[in-house]
PDB file of N, CA and C in Angstrom:
ATOM      1  N   MET A   1       0.845  -1.171   0.000  1.00  0.00           N
ATOM      2  CA  MET A   1       0.000   0.000   0.000  1.00  0.00           C
ATOM      3  C   MET A   1       0.896   1.241   0.000  1.00  0.00           C
ATOM      4  N   PRO A   2       0.702   2.201  -0.894  1.00  0.00           N
ATOM      5  CA  PRO A   2       1.524   3.404  -0.939  1.00  0.00           C
ATOM      6  C   PRO A   2       1.234   4.310   0.265  1.00  0.00           C
ATOM      7  N   LEU A   3       2.293   5.002   0.693  1.00  0.00           N
ATOM      8  CA  LEU A   3       2.143   5.934   1.808  1.00  0.00           C
ATOM      9  C   LEU A   3       1.541   7.241   1.307  1.00  0.00           C
ATOM     10  N   PRO A   4       0.627   7.814   2.058  1.00  0.00           N
ATOM     11  CA  PRO A   4       0.055   9.105   1.645  1.00  0.00           C
ATOM     12  C   PRO A   4       1.041  10.237   1.995  1.00  0.00           C
ATOM     13  N   LEU A   5       1.655  10.817   0.989  1.00  0.00           N
ATOM     14  CA  LEU A   5       2.632  11.889   1.206  1.00  0.00           C
ATOM     15  C   LEU A   5       2.015  13.278   1.123  1.00  0.00           C
ATOM     16  N   ALA A   6       0.812  13.379   0.659  1.00  0.00           N
ATOM     17  CA  ALA A   6       0.159  14.678   0.510  1.00  0.00           C
ATOM     18  C   ALA A   6       0.071  15.460   1.824  1.00  0.00           C
ATOM     19  N   PRO A   7      -0.222  14.827   2.964  1.00  0.00           N
ATOM     20  CA  PRO A   7      -0.269  15.610   4.208  1.00  0.00           C
ATOM     21  C   PRO A   7       1.096  16.175   4.622  1.00  0.00           C
ATOM     22  N   LEU A   8       2.187  15.625   4.119  1.00  0.00           N
ATOM     23  CA  LEU A   8       3.517  16.107   4.498  1.00  0.00           C
ATOM     24  C   LEU A   8       3.992  17.271   3.642  1.00  0.00           C
ATOM     25  N   ILE A   9       3.328  17.556   2.542  1.00  0.00           N
ATOM     26  CA  ILE A   9       3.770  18.623   1.631  1.00  0.00           C
ATOM     27  C   ILE A   9       3.767  19.992   2.311  1.00  0.00           C
ATOM     28  N   PRO A  10       2.724  20.397   3.040  1.00  0.00           N
ATOM     29  CA  PRO A  10       2.785  21.719   3.702  1.00  0.00           C
ATOM     30  C   PRO A  10       3.949  21.834   4.693  1.00  0.00           C
ATOM     31  N   LEU A  11       4.238  20.776   5.425  1.00  0.00           N
ATOM     32  CA  LEU A  11       5.363  20.792   6.361  1.00  0.00           C
ATOM     33  C   LEU A  11       6.680  20.935   5.613  1.00  0.00           C
ATOM     34  N   ALA A  12       6.834  20.198   4.529  1.00  0.00           N
ATOM     35  CA  ALA A  12       8.063  20.275   3.739  1.00  0.00           C
ATOM     36  C   ALA A  12       8.237  21.667   3.140  1.00  0.00           C
ATOM     37  N   VAL A  13       7.169  22.268   2.675  1.00  0.00           N
ATOM     38  CA  VAL A  13       7.245  23.627   2.101  1.00  0.00           C
ATOM     39  C   VAL A  13       7.648  24.629   3.172  1.00  0.00           C
ATOM     40  N   ARG A  14       7.028  24.525   4.365  1.00  0.00           N
ATOM     41  CA  ARG A  14       7.382  25.453   5.446  1.00  0.00           C
ATOM     42  C   ARG A  14       8.838  25.298   5.877  1.00  0.00           C
ATOM     43  N   LEU A  15       9.291  24.070   6.027  1.00  0.00           N
ATOM     44  CA  LEU A  15      10.685  23.848   6.413  1.00  0.00           C
ATOM     45  C   LEU A  15      11.637  24.348   5.330  1.00  0.00           C
ATOM     46  N   GLY A  16      11.285  24.164   4.092  1.00  0.00           N
ATOM     47  CA  GLY A  16      12.108  24.678   2.991  1.00  0.00           C
ATOM     48  C   GLY A  16      12.183  26.188   2.993  1.00  0.00           C
ATOM     49  N   LEU A  17      11.051  26.845   3.261  1.00  0.00           N
ATOM     50  CA  LEU A  17      11.046  28.310   3.320  1.00  0.00           C
ATOM     51  C   LEU A  17      11.885  28.823   4.489  1.00  0.00           C
ATOM     52  N   VAL A  18      11.775  28.174   5.632  1.00  0.00           N
ATOM     53  CA  VAL A  18      12.571  28.579   6.800  1.00  0.00           C
ATOM     54  C   VAL A  18      14.056  28.388   6.504  1.00  0.00           C
ATOM     55  N   ALA A  19      14.425  27.277   5.913  1.00  0.00           N
ATOM     56  CA  ALA A  19      15.837  27.028   5.606  1.00  0.00           C
ATOM     57  C   ALA A  19      16.366  28.027   4.584  1.00  0.00           C
ATOM     58  N   THR A  20      15.585  28.324   3.562  1.00  0.00           N
ATOM     59  CA  THR A  20      16.014  29.287   2.542  1.00  0.00           C
ATOM     60  C   THR A  20      16.137  30.682   3.128  1.00  0.00           C
ATOM     61  N   THR A  21      15.180  31.085   3.952  1.00  0.00           N
ATOM     62  CA  THR A  21      15.235  32.408   4.580  1.00  0.00           C
ATOM     63  C   THR A  21      16.440  32.515   5.513  1.00  0.00           C
ATOM     64  N   THR A  22      16.688  31.496   6.289  1.00  0.00           N
ATOM     65  CA  THR A  22      17.841  31.498   7.190  1.00  0.00           C
ATOM     66  C   THR A  22      19.143  31.596   6.414  1.00  0.00           C
ATOM     67  N   PHE A  23      19.250  30.832   5.353  1.00  0.00           N
ATOM     68  CA  PHE A  23      20.447  30.873   4.519  1.00  0.00           C
ATOM     69  C   PHE A  23      20.644  32.263   3.913  1.00  0.00           C
ATOM     70  N   ALA A  24      19.573  32.859   3.396  1.00  0.00           N
ATOM     71  CA  ALA A  24      19.672  34.181   2.774  1.00  0.00           C
ATOM     72  C   ALA A  24      20.047  35.246   3.800  1.00  0.00           C
ATOM     73  N   LEU A  25      19.447  35.203   4.983  1.00  0.00           N
ATOM     74  CA  LEU A  25      19.779  36.189   6.023  1.00  0.00           C
ATOM     75  C   LEU A  25      21.215  36.035   6.495  1.00  0.00           C
ATOM     76  N   THR A  26      21.674  34.804   6.613  1.00  0.00           N
ATOM     77  CA  THR A  26      23.066  34.577   7.014  1.00  0.00           C
ATOM     78  C   THR A  26      24.026  35.168   5.987  1.00  0.00           C
ATOM     79  N   ARG A  27      23.767  34.941   4.733  1.00  0.00           N
ATOM     80  CA  ARG A  27      24.620  35.493   3.676  1.00  0.00           C
ATOM     81  C   ARG A  27      24.568  37.016   3.668  1.00  0.00           C
ATOM     82  N   LEU A  28      23.390  37.588   3.907  1.00  0.00           N
ATOM     83  CA  LEU A  28      23.244  39.040   3.930  1.00  0.00           C
ATOM     84  C   LEU A  28      24.019  39.660   5.090  1.00  0.00           C
ATOM     85  N   VAL A  29      23.925  39.051   6.257  1.00  0.00           N
ATOM     86  CA  VAL A  29      24.638  39.566   7.430  1.00  0.00           C
ATOM     87  C   VAL A  29      26.144  39.440   7.231  1.00  0.00           C
ATOM     88  N   GLN A  30      26.609  38.345   6.680  1.00  0.00           N
ATOM     89  CA  GLN A  30      28.042  38.168   6.431  1.00  0.00           C
ATOM     90  C   GLN A  30      28.552  39.183   5.428  1.00  0.00           C
ATOM     91  N   ALA A  31      27.770  39.488   4.407  1.00  0.00           N
ATOM     92  CA  ALA A  31      28.198  40.447   3.398  1.00  0.00           C
ATOM     93  C   ALA A  31      28.207  41.870   3.947  1.00  0.00           C
ATOM     94  N   ALA A  32      27.293  42.178   4.861  1.00  0.00           N
ATOM     95  CA  ALA A  32      27.183  43.537   5.385  1.00  0.00           C
ATOM     96  C   ALA A  32      28.121  43.804   6.555  1.00  0.00           C
ATOM     97  N   SER A  33      28.598  42.771   7.217  1.00  0.00           N
ATOM     98  CA  SER A  33      29.426  42.982   8.395  1.00  0.00           C
ATOM     99  C   SER A  33      30.889  43.177   8.003  1.00  0.00           C
ATOM    100  N   HIS A  34      31.575  43.895   8.852  1.00  0.00           N
ATOM    101  CA  HIS A  34      32.992  44.156   8.645  1.00  0.00           C
ATOM    102  C   HIS A  34      33.785  42.910   9.015  1.00  0.00           C
ATOM    103  N   PRO A  35      34.742  42.506   8.199  1.00  0.00           N
ATOM    104  CA  PRO A  35      35.471  41.271   8.502  1.00  0.00           C
ATOM    105  C   PRO A  35      36.373  41.384   9.722  1.00  0.00           C
ATOM    106  N   GLY A  36      36.634  42.596  10.174  1.00  0.00           N
ATOM    107  CA  GLY A  36      37.487  42.778  11.340  1.00  0.00           C
ATOM    108  C   GLY A  36      38.955  42.736  10.977  1.00  0.00           C
ATOM    109  N   ARG A  37      39.784  43.013  11.954  1.00  0.00           N
ATOM    110  CA  ARG A  37      41.220  42.955  11.723  1.00  0.00           C
ATOM    111  C   ARG A  37      41.888  42.593  13.040  1.00  0.00           C
ATOM    112  N   THR A  38      43.088  42.113  12.935  1.00  0.00           N
ATOM    113  CA  THR A  38      43.859  41.764  14.118  1.00  0.00           C
ATOM    114  C   THR A  38      44.969  42.790  14.288  1.00  0.00           C
ATOM    115  N   ASP A  39      44.950  43.477  15.408  1.00  0.00           N
ATOM    116  CA  ASP A  39      45.980  44.453  15.726  1.00  0.00           C
ATOM    117  C   ASP A  39      47.046  43.732  16.555  1.00  0.00           C
ATOM    118  N   GLN A  40      48.240  43.605  16.004  1.00  0.00           N
ATOM    119  CA  GLN A  40      49.292  42.853  16.683  1.00  0.00           C
ATOM    120  C   GLN A  40      49.701  43.505  17.995  1.00  0.00           C
ATOM    121  N   ARG A  41      49.603  44.845  18.075  1.00  0.00           N
ATOM    122  CA  ARG A  41      49.936  45.518  19.343  1.00  0.00           C
ATOM    123  C   ARG A  41      48.977  45.099  20.453  1.00  0.00           C
ATOM    124  N   ALA A  42      47.692  44.977  20.105  1.00  0.00           N
ATOM    125  CA  ALA A  42      46.705  44.545  21.100  1.00  0.00           C
ATOM    126  C   ALA A  42      46.939  43.093  21.489  1.00  0.00           C
ATOM    127  N   GLU A  43      47.274  42.254  20.518  1.00  0.00           N
ATOM    128  CA  GLU A  43      47.572  40.854  20.822  1.00  0.00           C
ATOM    129  C   GLU A  43      48.767  40.739  21.763  1.00  0.00           C
ATOM    130  N   ASP A  44      49.808  41.531  21.513  1.00  0.00           N
ATOM    131  CA  ASP A  44      50.984  41.508  22.385  1.00  0.00           C
ATOM    132  C   ASP A  44      50.642  42.002  23.790  1.00  0.00           C
ATOM    133  N   ALA A  45      49.807  43.042  23.881  1.00  0.00           N
ATOM    134  CA  ALA A  45      49.411  43.554  25.190  1.00  0.00           C
ATOM    135  C   ALA A  45      48.612  42.509  25.963  1.00  0.00           C
ATOM    136  N   LEU A  46      47.729  41.779  25.275  1.00  0.00           N
ATOM    137  CA  LEU A  46      46.967  40.726  25.959  1.00  0.00           C
ATOM    138  C   LEU A  46      47.869  39.577  26.392  1.00  0.00           C
ATOM    139  N   ASP A  47      48.901  39.272  25.600  1.00  0.00           N
ATOM    140  CA  ASP A  47      49.831  38.209  25.979  1.00  0.00           C
ATOM    141  C   ASP A  47      50.661  38.583  27.202  1.00  0.00           C
ATOM    142  N   GLU A  48      50.893  39.878  27.422  1.00  0.00           N
ATOM    143  CA  GLU A  48      51.716  40.338  28.544  1.00  0.00           C
ATOM    144  C   GLU A  48      50.919  40.550  29.827  1.00  0.00           C
ATOM    145  N   LEU A  49      49.606  40.365  29.788  1.00  0.00           N
ATOM    146  CA  LEU A  49      48.795  40.532  30.990  1.00  0.00           C
ATOM    147  C   LEU A  49      49.176  39.505  32.039  1.00  0.00           C
ATOM    148  N   GLY A  50      49.176  39.929  33.281  1.00  0.00           N
ATOM    149  CA  GLY A  50      49.385  38.987  34.369  1.00  0.00           C
ATOM    150  C   GLY A  50      48.084  38.274  34.700  1.00  0.00           C
ATOM    151  N   GLU A  51      48.204  37.095  35.274  1.00  0.00           N
ATOM    152  CA  GLU A  51      46.996  36.353  35.610  1.00  0.00           C
ATOM    153  C   GLU A  51      46.331  36.972  36.827  1.00  0.00           C
ATOM    154  N   GLY A  52      45.026  37.029  36.802  1.00  0.00           N
ATOM    155  CA  GLY A  52      44.251  37.605  37.890  1.00  0.00           C
ATOM    156  C   GLY A  52      43.478  38.816  37.430  1.00  0.00           C
ATOM    157  N   LEU A  53      42.993  39.592  38.382  1.00  0.00           N
ATOM    158  CA  LEU A  53      42.157  40.752  38.119  1.00  0.00           C
ATOM    159  C   LEU A  53      42.804  41.983  38.727  1.00  0.00           C
ATOM    160  N   SER A  54      42.825  43.085  37.974  1.00  0.00           N
ATOM    161  CA  SER A  54      43.366  44.326  38.529  1.00  0.00           C
ATOM    162  C   SER A  54      42.517  45.501  38.064  1.00  0.00           C
ATOM    163  N   LEU A  55      42.446  46.499  38.908  1.00  0.00           N
ATOM    164  CA  LEU A  55      41.728  47.733  38.616  1.00  0.00           C
ATOM    165  C   LEU A  55      42.586  48.867  39.135  1.00  0.00           C
ATOM    166  N   HIS A  56      42.882  49.827  38.282  1.00  0.00           N
ATOM    167  CA  HIS A  56      43.680  50.967  38.738  1.00  0.00           C
ATOM    168  C   HIS A  56      43.280  52.219  37.991  1.00  0.00           C
ATOM    169  N   ARG A  57      43.639  53.355  38.597  1.00  0.00           N
ATOM    170  CA  ARG A  57      43.400  54.658  37.989  1.00  0.00           C
ATOM    171  C   ARG A  57      44.746  55.321  37.771  1.00  0.00           C
ATOM    172  N   PRO A  58      45.048  55.709  36.523  1.00  0.00           N
ATOM    173  CA  PRO A  58      46.307  56.394  36.261  1.00  0.00           C
ATOM    174  C   PRO A  58      46.364  57.729  37.019  1.00  0.00           C
ATOM    175  N   ALA A  59      47.539  58.072  37.519  1.00  0.00           N
ATOM    176  CA  ALA A  59      47.685  59.295  38.315  1.00  0.00           C
ATOM    177  C   ALA A  59      47.436  60.547  37.486  1.00  0.00           C
ATOM    178  N   ASP A  60      47.732  60.505  36.202  1.00  0.00           N
ATOM    179  CA  ASP A  60      47.567  61.694  35.372  1.00  0.00           C
ATOM    180  C   ASP A  60      46.178  61.812  34.753  1.00  0.00           C
ATOM    181  N   ARG A  61      45.308  60.824  34.955  1.00  0.00           N
ATOM    182  CA  ARG A  61      43.951  60.864  34.392  1.00  0.00           C
ATOM    183  C   ARG A  61      42.956  60.465  35.487  1.00  0.00           C
ATOM    184  N   ALA A  62      42.473  61.431  36.229  1.00  0.00           N
ATOM    185  CA  ALA A  62      41.590  61.138  37.360  1.00  0.00           C
ATOM    186  C   ALA A  62      40.225  60.632  36.902  1.00  0.00           C
ATOM    187  N   GLU A  63      39.820  60.970  35.680  1.00  0.00           N
ATOM    188  CA  GLU A  63      38.492  60.577  35.214  1.00  0.00           C
ATOM    189  C   GLU A  63      38.481  59.199  34.545  1.00  0.00           C
ATOM    190  N   GLN A  64      39.591  58.493  34.589  1.00  0.00           N
ATOM    191  CA  GLN A  64      39.710  57.225  33.862  1.00  0.00           C
ATOM    192  C   GLN A  64      40.055  56.090  34.817  1.00  0.00           C
ATOM    193  N   ALA A  65      39.468  54.942  34.579  1.00  0.00           N
ATOM    194  CA  ALA A  65      39.785  53.726  35.338  1.00  0.00           C
ATOM    195  C   ALA A  65      40.085  52.614  34.348  1.00  0.00           C
ATOM    196  N   ASN A  66      41.126  51.860  34.610  1.00  0.00           N
ATOM    197  CA  ASN A  66      41.517  50.747  33.747  1.00  0.00           C
ATOM    198  C   ASN A  66      41.362  49.440  34.508  1.00  0.00           C
ATOM    199  N   ALA A  67      40.905  48.416  33.806  1.00  0.00           N
ATOM    200  CA  ALA A  67      40.746  47.094  34.415  1.00  0.00           C
ATOM    201  C   ALA A  67      41.341  46.046  33.483  1.00  0.00           C
ATOM    202  N   THR A  68      41.989  45.073  34.070  1.00  0.00           N
ATOM    203  CA  THR A  68      42.522  43.949  33.300  1.00  0.00           C
ATOM    204  C   THR A  68      42.187  42.660  34.030  1.00  0.00           C
ATOM    205  N   ALA A  69      42.026  41.604  33.258  1.00  0.00           N
ATOM    206  CA  ALA A  69      41.768  40.293  33.838  1.00  0.00           C
ATOM    207  C   ALA A  69      42.335  39.237  32.908  1.00  0.00           C
ATOM    208  N   ARG A  70      42.865  38.188  33.495  1.00  0.00           N
ATOM    209  CA  ARG A  70      43.372  37.082  32.690  1.00  0.00           C
ATOM    210  C   ARG A  70      43.186  35.787  33.459  1.00  0.00           C
ATOM    211  N   LEU A  71      42.749  34.777  32.727  1.00  0.00           N
ATOM    212  CA  LEU A  71      42.534  33.455  33.280  1.00  0.00           C
ATOM    213  C   LEU A  71      43.186  32.451  32.343  1.00  0.00           C
ATOM    214  N   ARG A  72      44.102  31.666  32.888  1.00  0.00           N
ATOM    215  CA  ARG A  72      44.764  30.611  32.107  1.00  0.00           C
ATOM    216  C   ARG A  72      44.615  29.307  32.859  1.00  0.00           C
ATOM    217  N   ARG A  73      43.985  28.347  32.202  1.00  0.00           N
ATOM    218  CA  ARG A  73      43.764  27.041  32.821  1.00  0.00           C
ATOM    219  C   ARG A  73      43.893  25.951  31.761  1.00  0.00           C
ATOM    220  N   VAL A  74      44.208  24.753  32.206  1.00  0.00           N
ATOM    221  CA  VAL A  74      44.185  23.568  31.357  1.00  0.00           C
ATOM    222  C   VAL A  74      43.064  22.684  31.884  1.00  0.00           C
ATOM    223  N   ILE A  75      42.133  22.368  31.009  1.00  0.00           N
ATOM    224  CA  ILE A  75      40.987  21.549  31.382  1.00  0.00           C
ATOM    225  C   ILE A  75      41.130  20.197  30.705  1.00  0.00           C
ATOM    226  N   ARG A  76      41.027  19.148  31.493  1.00  0.00           N
ATOM    227  CA  ARG A  76      41.110  17.788  30.941  1.00  0.00           C
ATOM    228  C   ARG A  76      39.720  17.179  30.953  1.00  0.00           C
ATOM    229  N   PHE A  77      39.326  16.685  29.773  1.00  0.00           N
ATOM    230  CA  PHE A  77      37.988  16.143  29.625  1.00  0.00           C
ATOM    231  C   PHE A  77      38.037  14.958  28.685  1.00  0.00           C
ATOM    232  N   ARG A  78      37.675  13.801  29.195  1.00  0.00           N
ATOM    233  CA  ARG A  78      37.637  12.568  28.413  1.00  0.00           C
ATOM    234  C   ARG A  78      38.961  12.267  27.721  1.00  0.00           C
ATOM    235  N   GLY A  79      40.033  12.419  28.444  1.00  0.00           N
ATOM    236  CA  GLY A  79      41.344  12.068  27.919  1.00  0.00           C
ATOM    237  C   GLY A  79      41.985  13.122  27.039  1.00  0.00           C
ATOM    238  N   ARG A  80      41.326  14.241  26.825  1.00  0.00           N
ATOM    239  CA  ARG A  80      41.899  15.321  26.016  1.00  0.00           C
ATOM    240  C   ARG A  80      42.132  16.532  26.909  1.00  0.00           C
ATOM    241  N   ALA A  81      43.132  17.321  26.560  1.00  0.00           N
ATOM    242  CA  ALA A  81      43.452  18.522  27.328  1.00  0.00           C
ATOM    243  C   ALA A  81      43.160  19.751  26.476  1.00  0.00           C
ATOM    244  N   TYR A  82      42.493  20.718  27.075  1.00  0.00           N
ATOM    245  CA  TYR A  82      42.167  21.975  26.410  1.00  0.00           C
ATOM    246  C   TYR A  82      42.754  23.110  27.235  1.00  0.00           C
ATOM    247  N   GLU A  83      43.454  24.016  26.572  1.00  0.00           N
ATOM    248  CA  GLU A  83      44.008  25.178  27.273  1.00  0.00           C
ATOM    249  C   GLU A  83      43.079  26.364  27.065  1.00  0.00           C
ATOM    250  N   VAL A  84      42.662  26.949  28.163  1.00  0.00           N
ATOM    251  CA  VAL A  84      41.803  28.128  28.127  1.00  0.00           C
ATOM    252  C   VAL A  84      42.654  29.326  28.510  1.00  0.00           C
ATOM    253  N   ASP A  85      42.713  30.312  27.637  1.00  0.00           N
ATOM    254  CA  ASP A  85      43.455  31.548  27.896  1.00  0.00           C
ATOM    255  C   ASP A  85      42.538  32.707  27.556  1.00  0.00           C
ATOM    256  N   ALA A  86      41.948  33.313  28.584  1.00  0.00           N
ATOM    257  CA  ALA A  86      41.008  34.411  28.388  1.00  0.00           C
ATOM    258  C   ALA A  86      41.602  35.679  28.985  1.00  0.00           C
ATOM    259  N   GLY A  87      41.686  36.718  28.173  1.00  0.00           N
ATOM    260  CA  GLY A  87      42.213  37.993  28.637  1.00  0.00           C
ATOM    261  C   GLY A  87      41.228  39.110  28.338  1.00  0.00           C
ATOM    262  N   LEU A  88      41.200  40.108  29.201  1.00  0.00           N
ATOM    263  CA  LEU A  88      40.268  41.218  29.056  1.00  0.00           C
ATOM    264  C   LEU A  88      40.971  42.497  29.472  1.00  0.00           C
ATOM    265  N   MET A  89      40.877  43.490  28.620  1.00  0.00           N
ATOM    266  CA  MET A  89      41.362  44.821  28.971  1.00  0.00           C
ATOM    267  C   MET A  89      40.204  45.783  28.754  1.00  0.00           C
ATOM    268  N   ALA A  90      39.957  46.643  29.724  1.00  0.00           N
ATOM    269  CA  ALA A  90      38.835  47.565  29.612  1.00  0.00           C
ATOM    270  C   ALA A  90      39.232  48.932  30.127  1.00  0.00           C
ATOM    271  N   ARG A  91      38.596  49.931  29.530  1.00  0.00           N
ATOM    272  CA  ARG A  91      38.808  51.304  29.985  1.00  0.00           C
ATOM    273  C   ARG A  91      37.445  51.944  30.146  1.00  0.00           C
ATOM    274  N   PHE A  92      37.265  52.645  31.239  1.00  0.00           N
ATOM    275  CA  PHE A  92      36.033  53.377  31.483  1.00  0.00           C
ATOM    276  C   PHE A  92      36.419  54.821  31.747  1.00  0.00           C
ATOM    277  N   ARG A  93      35.870  55.725  30.948  1.00  0.00           N
ATOM    278  CA  ARG A  93      36.196  57.135  31.077  1.00  0.00           C
ATOM    279  C   ARG A  93      34.908  57.925  31.208  1.00  0.00           C
ATOM    280  N   LEU A  94      34.837  58.784  32.216  1.00  0.00           N
ATOM    281  CA  LEU A  94      33.676  59.620  32.442  1.00  0.00           C
ATOM    282  C   LEU A  94      34.161  61.054  32.550  1.00  0.00           C
ATOM    283  N   ARG A  95      33.714  61.885  31.604  1.00  0.00           N
ATOM    284  CA  ARG A  95      34.139  63.281  31.591  1.00  0.00           C
ATOM    285  C   ARG A  95      32.941  64.202  31.714  1.00  0.00           C
ATOM    286  N   ALA A  96      33.092  65.245  32.490  1.00  0.00           N
ATOM    287  CA  ALA A  96      32.059  66.253  32.605  1.00  0.00           C
ATOM    288  C   ALA A  96      32.209  67.234  31.449  1.00  0.00           C
ATOM    289  N   THR A  97      31.112  67.559  30.808  1.00  0.00           N
ATOM    290  CA  THR A  97      31.146  68.527  29.716  1.00  0.00           C
ATOM    291  C   THR A  97      30.868  69.907  30.250  1.00  0.00           C
ATOM    292  N   GLY A  98      31.130  70.913  29.457  1.00  0.00           N
ATOM    293  CA  GLY A  98      30.963  72.290  29.884  1.00  0.00           C
ATOM    294  C   GLY A  98      29.524  72.782  29.860  1.00  0.00           C
ATOM    295  N   GLU A  99      28.581  71.953  29.531  1.00  0.00           N
ATOM    296  CA  GLU A  99      27.163  72.376  29.433  1.00  0.00           C
ATOM    297  C   GLU A  99      26.494  72.441  30.763  1.00  0.00           C
TER     298      GLU A  99
END
């Protein structure tokens, strides 16, 4: 006895439309977004960070606070080792305007 495929056609059409729309939006976003760049000076600065968390204010800039954080760990999972190296540099500046 043949299987009735007619009831599955609306589902297949909807899934096809969702897949096509997702593919088109992904391509559109990739084409419109900036590919980015790697600044070697920033990479070197992140490599020189000490492990841990620090927050300081430069003496010559009272309105600025700098924060750095770095975490380096080796995680072993199911016989494989993964090295996690996460670094963060942040600057927060608050200036009063003349208005």
